[in-house]
Amino acid sequence: MHYTTSERITVGVVYGDQGRMRPEWFVWEGREYRVASINHIWHDTAGRETLIFFSVSDKIDTYLLCYHTIQLQWTLCGVDMEG
């Protein structure tokens, strides 16, 4: 089942080489999800703002996280749930 949303979330991030960010966990609707893998990363723009998208998995489902570089906020844009 695919679920589309635009909900603000809290994300735990580790910064690596050259300032690259890697989401490690996020909280959605009061529940913490651990990121098991990052499937894909891409950038897009919305006006002056750069959006960084992360397709991540928790070993079961896939989530689309978005970082807003001007607002300095994270949103959950979509979920692909198994079953």
PDB file of N, CA and C in Angstrom:
ATOM      1  N   MET A   1       0.847  -1.180   0.000  1.00  0.00           N
ATOM      2  CA  MET A   1       0.000   0.000   0.000  1.00  0.00           C
ATOM      3  C   MET A   1       0.891   1.240   0.000  1.00  0.00           C
ATOM      4  N   HIS A   2       0.567   2.198  -0.840  1.00  0.00           N
ATOM      5  CA  HIS A   2       1.318   3.451  -0.908  1.00  0.00           C
ATOM      6  C   HIS A   2       0.531   4.543  -0.181  1.00  0.00           C
ATOM      7  N   TYR A   3       1.227   5.281   0.642  1.00  0.00           N
ATOM      8  CA  TYR A   3       0.623   6.351   1.436  1.00  0.00           C
ATOM      9  C   TYR A   3       1.403   7.630   1.161  1.00  0.00           C
ATOM     10  N   THR A   4       0.735   8.681   0.704  1.00  0.00           N
ATOM     11  CA  THR A   4       1.369   9.967   0.420  1.00  0.00           C
ATOM     12  C   THR A   4       0.963  10.960   1.493  1.00  0.00           C
ATOM     13  N   THR A   5       1.934  11.740   1.966  1.00  0.00           N
ATOM     14  CA  THR A   5       1.688  12.701   3.032  1.00  0.00           C
ATOM     15  C   THR A   5       2.682  13.851   2.914  1.00  0.00           C
ATOM     16  N   SER A   6       2.600  14.778   3.811  1.00  0.00           N
ATOM     17  CA  SER A   6       3.570  15.860   3.931  1.00  0.00           C
ATOM     18  C   SER A   6       3.597  16.283   5.401  1.00  0.00           C
ATOM     19  N   GLU A   7       3.971  15.326   6.262  1.00  0.00           N
ATOM     20  CA  GLU A   7       3.956  15.539   7.704  1.00  0.00           C
ATOM     21  C   GLU A   7       5.346  15.865   8.222  1.00  0.00           C
ATOM     22  N   ARG A   8       5.421  16.846   9.114  1.00  0.00           N
ATOM     23  CA  ARG A   8       6.702  17.167   9.746  1.00  0.00           C
ATOM     24  C   ARG A   8       7.102  16.020  10.658  1.00  0.00           C
ATOM     25  N   ILE A   9       8.383  15.686  10.620  1.00  0.00           N
ATOM     26  CA  ILE A   9       8.908  14.607  11.449  1.00  0.00           C
ATOM     27  C   ILE A   9      10.226  15.058  12.087  1.00  0.00           C
ATOM     28  N   THR A  10      10.644  14.332  13.107  1.00  0.00           N
ATOM     29  CA  THR A  10      11.949  14.528  13.727  1.00  0.00           C
ATOM     30  C   THR A  10      12.876  13.450  13.190  1.00  0.00           C
ATOM     31  N   VAL A  11      14.084  13.853  12.793  1.00  0.00           N
ATOM     32  CA  VAL A  11      15.033  12.914  12.199  1.00  0.00           C
ATOM     33  C   VAL A  11      16.371  13.020  12.914  1.00  0.00           C
ATOM     34  N   GLY A  12      16.959  11.874  13.250  1.00  0.00           N
ATOM     35  CA  GLY A  12      18.312  11.820  13.793  1.00  0.00           C
ATOM     36  C   GLY A  12      19.282  11.632  12.644  1.00  0.00           C
ATOM     37  N   VAL A  13      20.252  12.535  12.532  1.00  0.00           N
ATOM     38  CA  VAL A  13      21.146  12.553  11.373  1.00  0.00           C
ATOM     39  C   VAL A  13      22.603  12.452  11.825  1.00  0.00           C
ATOM     40  N   VAL A  14      23.399  11.706  11.067  1.00  0.00           N
ATOM     41  CA  VAL A  14      24.835  11.645  11.251  1.00  0.00           C
ATOM     42  C   VAL A  14      25.454  12.352  10.046  1.00  0.00           C
ATOM     43  N   TYR A  15      26.413  13.243  10.318  1.00  0.00           N
ATOM     44  CA  TYR A  15      27.109  13.948   9.242  1.00  0.00           C
ATOM     45  C   TYR A  15      28.451  13.285   8.999  1.00  0.00           C
ATOM     46  N   GLY A  16      28.728  12.960   7.740  1.00  0.00           N
ATOM     47  CA  GLY A  16      29.962  12.265   7.377  1.00  0.00           C
ATOM     48  C   GLY A  16      30.889  13.145   6.573  1.00  0.00           C
ATOM     49  N   ASP A  17      31.636  12.504   5.698  1.00  0.00           N
ATOM     50  CA  ASP A  17      32.594  13.194   4.837  1.00  0.00           C
ATOM     51  C   ASP A  17      31.926  14.292   4.033  1.00  0.00           C
ATOM     52  N   GLN A  18      32.601  15.429   3.944  1.00  0.00           N
ATOM     53  CA  GLN A  18      32.142  16.573   3.151  1.00  0.00           C
ATOM     54  C   GLN A  18      30.754  17.041   3.565  1.00  0.00           C
ATOM     55  N   GLY A  19      30.393  16.839   4.832  1.00  0.00           N
ATOM     56  CA  GLY A  19      29.107  17.316   5.340  1.00  0.00           C
ATOM     57  C   GLY A  19      27.902  16.533   4.865  1.00  0.00           C
ATOM     58  N   ARG A  20      28.127  15.364   4.268  1.00  0.00           N
ATOM     59  CA  ARG A  20      27.003  14.556   3.799  1.00  0.00           C
ATOM     60  C   ARG A  20      26.197  14.044   4.989  1.00  0.00           C
ATOM     61  N   MET A  21      24.884  14.178   4.892  1.00  0.00           N
ATOM     62  CA  MET A  21      24.030  13.729   5.980  1.00  0.00           C
ATOM     63  C   MET A  21      23.440  12.364   5.690  1.00  0.00           C
ATOM     64  N   ARG A  22      23.291  11.615   6.791  1.00  0.00           N
ATOM     65  CA  ARG A  22      22.716  10.275   6.701  1.00  0.00           C
ATOM     66  C   ARG A  22      21.667  10.136   7.803  1.00  0.00           C
ATOM     67  N   PRO A  23      20.388  10.027   7.435  1.00  0.00           N
ATOM     68  CA  PRO A  23      19.367   9.817   8.456  1.00  0.00           C
ATOM     69  C   PRO A  23      19.531   8.431   9.082  1.00  0.00           C
ATOM     70  N   GLU A  24      19.528   8.373  10.409  1.00  0.00           N
ATOM     71  CA  GLU A  24      19.686   7.119  11.140  1.00  0.00           C
ATOM     72  C   GLU A  24      18.356   6.622  11.712  1.00  0.00           C
ATOM     73  N   TRP A  25      17.487   7.551  12.077  1.00  0.00           N
ATOM     74  CA  TRP A  25      16.176   7.217  12.639  1.00  0.00           C
ATOM     75  C   TRP A  25      15.247   8.405  12.430  1.00  0.00           C
ATOM     76  N   PHE A  26      13.939   8.161  12.547  1.00  0.00           N
ATOM     77  CA  PHE A  26      12.977   9.255  12.509  1.00  0.00           C
ATOM     78  C   PHE A  26      11.777   8.892  13.369  1.00  0.00           C
ATOM     79  N   VAL A  27      11.067   9.923  13.816  1.00  0.00           N
ATOM     80  CA  VAL A  27       9.873   9.726  14.629  1.00  0.00           C
ATOM     81  C   VAL A  27       8.682  10.206  13.826  1.00  0.00           C
ATOM     82  N   TRP A  28       7.719   9.308  13.664  1.00  0.00           N
ATOM     83  CA  TRP A  28       6.493   9.609  12.926  1.00  0.00           C
ATOM     84  C   TRP A  28       5.324   9.114  13.763  1.00  0.00           C
ATOM     85  N   GLU A  29       4.386   9.997  14.025  1.00  0.00           N
ATOM     86  CA  GLU A  29       3.196   9.691  14.812  1.00  0.00           C
ATOM     87  C   GLU A  29       3.558   9.030  16.144  1.00  0.00           C
ATOM     88  N   GLY A  30       4.605   9.567  16.790  1.00  0.00           N
ATOM     89  CA  GLY A  30       4.996   9.109  18.114  1.00  0.00           C
ATOM     90  C   GLY A  30       5.793   7.818  18.156  1.00  0.00           C
ATOM     91  N   ARG A  31       6.106   7.250  17.009  1.00  0.00           N
ATOM     92  CA  ARG A  31       6.856   5.994  16.949  1.00  0.00           C
ATOM     93  C   ARG A  31       8.201   6.226  16.287  1.00  0.00           C
ATOM     94  N   GLU A  32       9.243   5.620  16.850  1.00  0.00           N
ATOM     95  CA  GLU A  32      10.581   5.748  16.271  1.00  0.00           C
ATOM     96  C   GLU A  32      10.836   4.625  15.275  1.00  0.00           C
ATOM     97  N   TYR A  33      11.373   5.000  14.110  1.00  0.00           N
ATOM     98  CA  TYR A  33      11.723   4.054  13.057  1.00  0.00           C
ATOM     99  C   TYR A  33      13.231   4.120  12.842  1.00  0.00           C
ATOM    100  N   ARG A  34      13.897   2.993  12.832  1.00  0.00           N
ATOM    101  CA  ARG A  34      15.328   2.907  12.570  1.00  0.00           C
ATOM    102  C   ARG A  34      15.560   2.705  11.080  1.00  0.00           C
ATOM    103  N   VAL A  35      16.454   3.498  10.509  1.00  0.00           N
ATOM    104  CA  VAL A  35      16.783   3.383   9.085  1.00  0.00           C
ATOM    105  C   VAL A  35      17.787   2.250   8.920  1.00  0.00           C
ATOM    106  N   ALA A  36      17.386   1.205   8.224  1.00  0.00           N
ATOM    107  CA  ALA A  36      18.262   0.057   7.966  1.00  0.00           C
ATOM    108  C   ALA A  36      19.098   0.278   6.706  1.00  0.00           C
ATOM    109  N   SER A  37      18.509   0.986   5.725  1.00  0.00           N
ATOM    110  CA  SER A  37      19.247   1.241   4.484  1.00  0.00           C
ATOM    111  C   SER A  37      18.731   2.506   3.810  1.00  0.00           C
ATOM    112  N   ILE A  38      19.644   3.153   3.105  1.00  0.00           N
ATOM    113  CA  ILE A  38      19.284   4.289   2.255  1.00  0.00           C
ATOM    114  C   ILE A  38      19.289   3.766   0.831  1.00  0.00           C
ATOM    115  N   ASN A  39      18.135   3.842   0.183  1.00  0.00           N
ATOM    116  CA  ASN A  39      17.979   3.279  -1.154  1.00  0.00           C
ATOM    117  C   ASN A  39      18.401   4.248  -2.251  1.00  0.00           C
ATOM    118  N   HIS A  40      18.125   5.537  -2.028  1.00  0.00           N
ATOM    119  CA  HIS A  40      18.396   6.527  -3.065  1.00  0.00           C
ATOM    120  C   HIS A  40      18.358   7.922  -2.439  1.00  0.00           C
ATOM    121  N   ILE A  41      19.179   8.831  -2.976  1.00  0.00           N
ATOM    122  CA  ILE A  41      19.199  10.232  -2.541  1.00  0.00           C
ATOM    123  C   ILE A  41      19.172  11.101  -3.788  1.00  0.00           C
ATOM    124  N   TRP A  42      18.331  12.146  -3.771  1.00  0.00           N
ATOM    125  CA  TRP A  42      18.326  13.100  -4.881  1.00  0.00           C
ATOM    126  C   TRP A  42      17.920  14.473  -4.386  1.00  0.00           C
ATOM    127  N   HIS A  43      18.204  15.476  -5.211  1.00  0.00           N
ATOM    128  CA  HIS A  43      17.906  16.872  -4.893  1.00  0.00           C
ATOM    129  C   HIS A  43      16.882  17.418  -5.879  1.00  0.00           C
ATOM    130  N   ASP A  44      16.084  18.361  -5.402  1.00  0.00           N
ATOM    131  CA  ASP A  44      15.132  19.078  -6.242  1.00  0.00           C
ATOM    132  C   ASP A  44      15.033  20.489  -5.691  1.00  0.00           C
ATOM    133  N   THR A  45      14.344  21.358  -6.382  1.00  0.00           N
ATOM    134  CA  THR A  45      14.158  22.719  -5.892  1.00  0.00           C
ATOM    135  C   THR A  45      12.681  23.068  -5.840  1.00  0.00           C
ATOM    136  N   ALA A  46      12.374  23.961  -4.901  1.00  0.00           N
ATOM    137  CA  ALA A  46      11.034  24.537  -4.771  1.00  0.00           C
ATOM    138  C   ALA A  46      11.258  26.020  -4.538  1.00  0.00           C
ATOM    139  N   GLY A  47      11.189  26.793  -5.628  1.00  0.00           N
ATOM    140  CA  GLY A  47      11.539  28.207  -5.517  1.00  0.00           C
ATOM    141  C   GLY A  47      13.022  28.329  -5.234  1.00  0.00           C
ATOM    142  N   ARG A  48      13.364  29.046  -4.156  1.00  0.00           N
ATOM    143  CA  ARG A  48      14.776  29.236  -3.787  1.00  0.00           C
ATOM    144  C   ARG A  48      15.321  28.082  -2.949  1.00  0.00           C
ATOM    145  N   GLU A  49      14.431  27.240  -2.480  1.00  0.00           N
ATOM    146  CA  GLU A  49      14.837  26.186  -1.544  1.00  0.00           C
ATOM    147  C   GLU A  49      15.255  24.905  -2.255  1.00  0.00           C
ATOM    148  N   THR A  50      16.352  24.323  -1.771  1.00  0.00           N
ATOM    149  CA  THR A  50      16.760  23.005  -2.233  1.00  0.00           C
ATOM    150  C   THR A  50      16.145  21.967  -1.305  1.00  0.00           C
ATOM    151  N   LEU A  51      15.565  20.945  -1.900  1.00  0.00           N
ATOM    152  CA  LEU A  51      14.994  19.842  -1.146  1.00  0.00           C
ATOM    153  C   LEU A  51      15.869  18.619  -1.368  1.00  0.00           C
ATOM    154  N   ILE A  52      16.226  17.938  -0.280  1.00  0.00           N
ATOM    155  CA  ILE A  52      17.030  16.725  -0.377  1.00  0.00           C
ATOM    156  C   ILE A  52      16.136  15.559   0.017  1.00  0.00           C
ATOM    157  N   PHE A  53      15.952  14.638  -0.914  1.00  0.00           N
ATOM    158  CA  PHE A  53      15.073  13.497  -0.697  1.00  0.00           C
ATOM    159  C   PHE A  53      15.900  12.250  -0.388  1.00  0.00           C
ATOM    160  N   PHE A  54      15.416  11.479   0.571  1.00  0.00           N
ATOM    161  CA  PHE A  54      16.041  10.218   0.961  1.00  0.00           C
ATOM    162  C   PHE A  54      14.975   9.127   0.917  1.00  0.00           C
ATOM    163  N   SER A  55      15.169   8.138   0.073  1.00  0.00           N
ATOM    164  CA  SER A  55      14.336   6.944   0.093  1.00  0.00           C
ATOM    165  C   SER A  55      15.034   5.974   1.040  1.00  0.00           C
ATOM    166  N   VAL A  56      14.372   5.643   2.166  1.00  0.00           N
ATOM    167  CA  VAL A  56      14.990   4.801   3.183  1.00  0.00           C
ATOM    168  C   VAL A  56      14.082   3.623   3.509  1.00  0.00           C
ATOM    169  N   SER A  57      14.686   2.572   4.069  1.00  0.00           N
ATOM    170  CA  SER A  57      13.919   1.385   4.464  1.00  0.00           C
ATOM    171  C   SER A  57      14.259   1.014   5.900  1.00  0.00           C
ATOM    172  N   ASP A  58      13.288   0.375   6.553  1.00  0.00           N
ATOM    173  CA  ASP A  58      13.493  -0.127   7.919  1.00  0.00           C
ATOM    174  C   ASP A  58      13.471  -1.652   7.949  1.00  0.00           C
ATOM    175  N   LYS A  59      13.834  -2.290   6.866  1.00  0.00           N
ATOM    176  CA  LYS A  59      13.834  -3.740   6.637  1.00  0.00           C
ATOM    177  C   LYS A  59      12.456  -4.279   6.244  1.00  0.00           C
ATOM    178  N   ILE A  60      11.405  -3.474   6.426  1.00  0.00           N
ATOM    179  CA  ILE A  60      10.058  -3.918   6.055  1.00  0.00           C
ATOM    180  C   ILE A  60       9.434  -2.968   5.042  1.00  0.00           C
ATOM    181  N   ASP A  61       9.342  -1.695   5.406  1.00  0.00           N
ATOM    182  CA  ASP A  61       8.678  -0.686   4.583  1.00  0.00           C
ATOM    183  C   ASP A  61       9.695   0.326   4.062  1.00  0.00           C
ATOM    184  N   THR A  62       9.278   1.100   3.057  1.00  0.00           N
ATOM    185  CA  THR A  62      10.109   2.143   2.462  1.00  0.00           C
ATOM    186  C   THR A  62       9.456   3.490   2.717  1.00  0.00           C
ATOM    187  N   TYR A  63      10.279   4.478   3.094  1.00  0.00           N
ATOM    188  CA  TYR A  63       9.797   5.812   3.452  1.00  0.00           C
ATOM    189  C   TYR A  63      10.532   6.849   2.622  1.00  0.00           C
ATOM    190  N   LEU A  64       9.828   7.914   2.254  1.00  0.00           N
ATOM    191  CA  LEU A  64      10.436   9.018   1.536  1.00  0.00           C
ATOM    192  C   LEU A  64      10.539  10.202   2.489  1.00  0.00           C
ATOM    193  N   LEU A  65      11.778  10.525   2.889  1.00  0.00           N
ATOM    194  CA  LEU A  65      12.045  11.648   3.785  1.00  0.00           C
ATOM    195  C   LEU A  65      12.549  12.823   2.957  1.00  0.00           C
ATOM    196  N   CYS A  66      12.178  14.037   3.353  1.00  0.00           N
ATOM    197  CA  CYS A  66      12.608  15.233   2.626  1.00  0.00           C
ATOM    198  C   CYS A  66      13.155  16.254   3.606  1.00  0.00           C
ATOM    199  N   TYR A  67      14.362  16.762   3.321  1.00  0.00           N
ATOM    200  CA  TYR A  67      14.968  17.819   4.123  1.00  0.00           C
ATOM    201  C   TYR A  67      14.849  19.135   3.372  1.00  0.00           C
ATOM    202  N   HIS A  68      14.278  20.141   4.022  1.00  0.00           N
ATOM    203  CA  HIS A  68      14.085  21.475   3.451  1.00  0.00           C
ATOM    204  C   HIS A  68      15.238  22.359   3.915  1.00  0.00           C
ATOM    205  N   THR A  69      16.112  22.764   2.994  1.00  0.00           N
ATOM    206  CA  THR A  69      17.367  23.414   3.362  1.00  0.00           C
ATOM    207  C   THR A  69      17.214  24.844   3.875  1.00  0.00           C
ATOM    208  N   ILE A  70      16.172  25.541   3.511  1.00  0.00           N
ATOM    209  CA  ILE A  70      15.966  26.900   4.031  1.00  0.00           C
ATOM    210  C   ILE A  70      15.170  26.846   5.332  1.00  0.00           C
ATOM    211  N   GLN A  71      14.129  26.046   5.355  1.00  0.00           N
ATOM    212  CA  GLN A  71      13.303  25.919   6.552  1.00  0.00           C
ATOM    213  C   GLN A  71      13.995  25.111   7.650  1.00  0.00           C
ATOM    214  N   LEU A  72      15.013  24.323   7.270  1.00  0.00           N
ATOM    215  CA  LEU A  72      15.724  23.434   8.187  1.00  0.00           C
ATOM    216  C   LEU A  72      14.748  22.487   8.882  1.00  0.00           C
ATOM    217  N   GLN A  73      13.863  21.897   8.063  1.00  0.00           N
ATOM    218  CA  GLN A  73      12.839  20.993   8.569  1.00  0.00           C
ATOM    219  C   GLN A  73      12.820  19.709   7.742  1.00  0.00           C
ATOM    220  N   TRP A  74      12.336  18.657   8.378  1.00  0.00           N
ATOM    221  CA  TRP A  74      12.145  17.370   7.719  1.00  0.00           C
ATOM    222  C   TRP A  74      10.660  17.089   7.573  1.00  0.00           C
ATOM    223  N   THR A  75      10.301  16.479   6.451  1.00  0.00           N
ATOM    224  CA  THR A  75       8.936  16.000   6.272  1.00  0.00           C
ATOM    225  C   THR A  75       8.975  14.565   5.761  1.00  0.00           C
ATOM    226  N   LEU A  76       7.922  13.834   6.081  1.00  0.00           N
ATOM    227  CA  LEU A  76       7.710  12.511   5.511  1.00  0.00           C
ATOM    228  C   LEU A  76       6.788  12.714   4.327  1.00  0.00           C
ATOM    229  N   CYS A  77       7.255  12.348   3.133  1.00  0.00           N
ATOM    230  CA  CYS A  77       6.488  12.592   1.914  1.00  0.00           C
ATOM    231  C   CYS A  77       5.689  11.380   1.452  1.00  0.00           C
ATOM    232  N   GLY A  78       6.140  10.194   1.838  1.00  0.00           N
ATOM    233  CA  GLY A  78       5.425   9.014   1.390  1.00  0.00           C
ATOM    234  C   GLY A  78       5.914   7.755   2.083  1.00  0.00           C
ATOM    235  N   VAL A  79       5.062   6.731   2.043  1.00  0.00           N
ATOM    236  CA  VAL A  79       5.368   5.443   2.646  1.00  0.00           C
ATOM    237  C   VAL A  79       4.874   4.350   1.700  1.00  0.00           C
ATOM    238  N   ASP A  80       5.704   3.353   1.456  1.00  0.00           N
ATOM    239  CA  ASP A  80       5.292   2.144   0.752  1.00  0.00           C
ATOM    240  C   ASP A  80       5.318   1.019   1.764  1.00  0.00           C
ATOM    241  N   MET A  81       4.122   0.540   2.129  1.00  0.00           N
ATOM    242  CA  MET A  81       4.013  -0.486   3.164  1.00  0.00           C
ATOM    243  C   MET A  81       3.821  -1.860   2.537  1.00  0.00           C
ATOM    244  N   GLU A  82       4.526  -2.836   3.083  1.00  0.00           N
ATOM    245  CA  GLU A  82       4.369  -4.227   2.662  1.00  0.00           C
ATOM    246  C   GLU A  82       3.054  -4.765   3.209  1.00  0.00           C
ATOM    247  N   GLY A  83       2.474  -5.682   2.488  1.00  0.00           N
ATOM    248  CA  GLY A  83       1.282  -6.374   2.971  1.00  0.00           C
ATOM    249  C   GLY A  83       0.082  -5.561   2.787  1.00  0.00           C
TER     250      GLY A  83
END
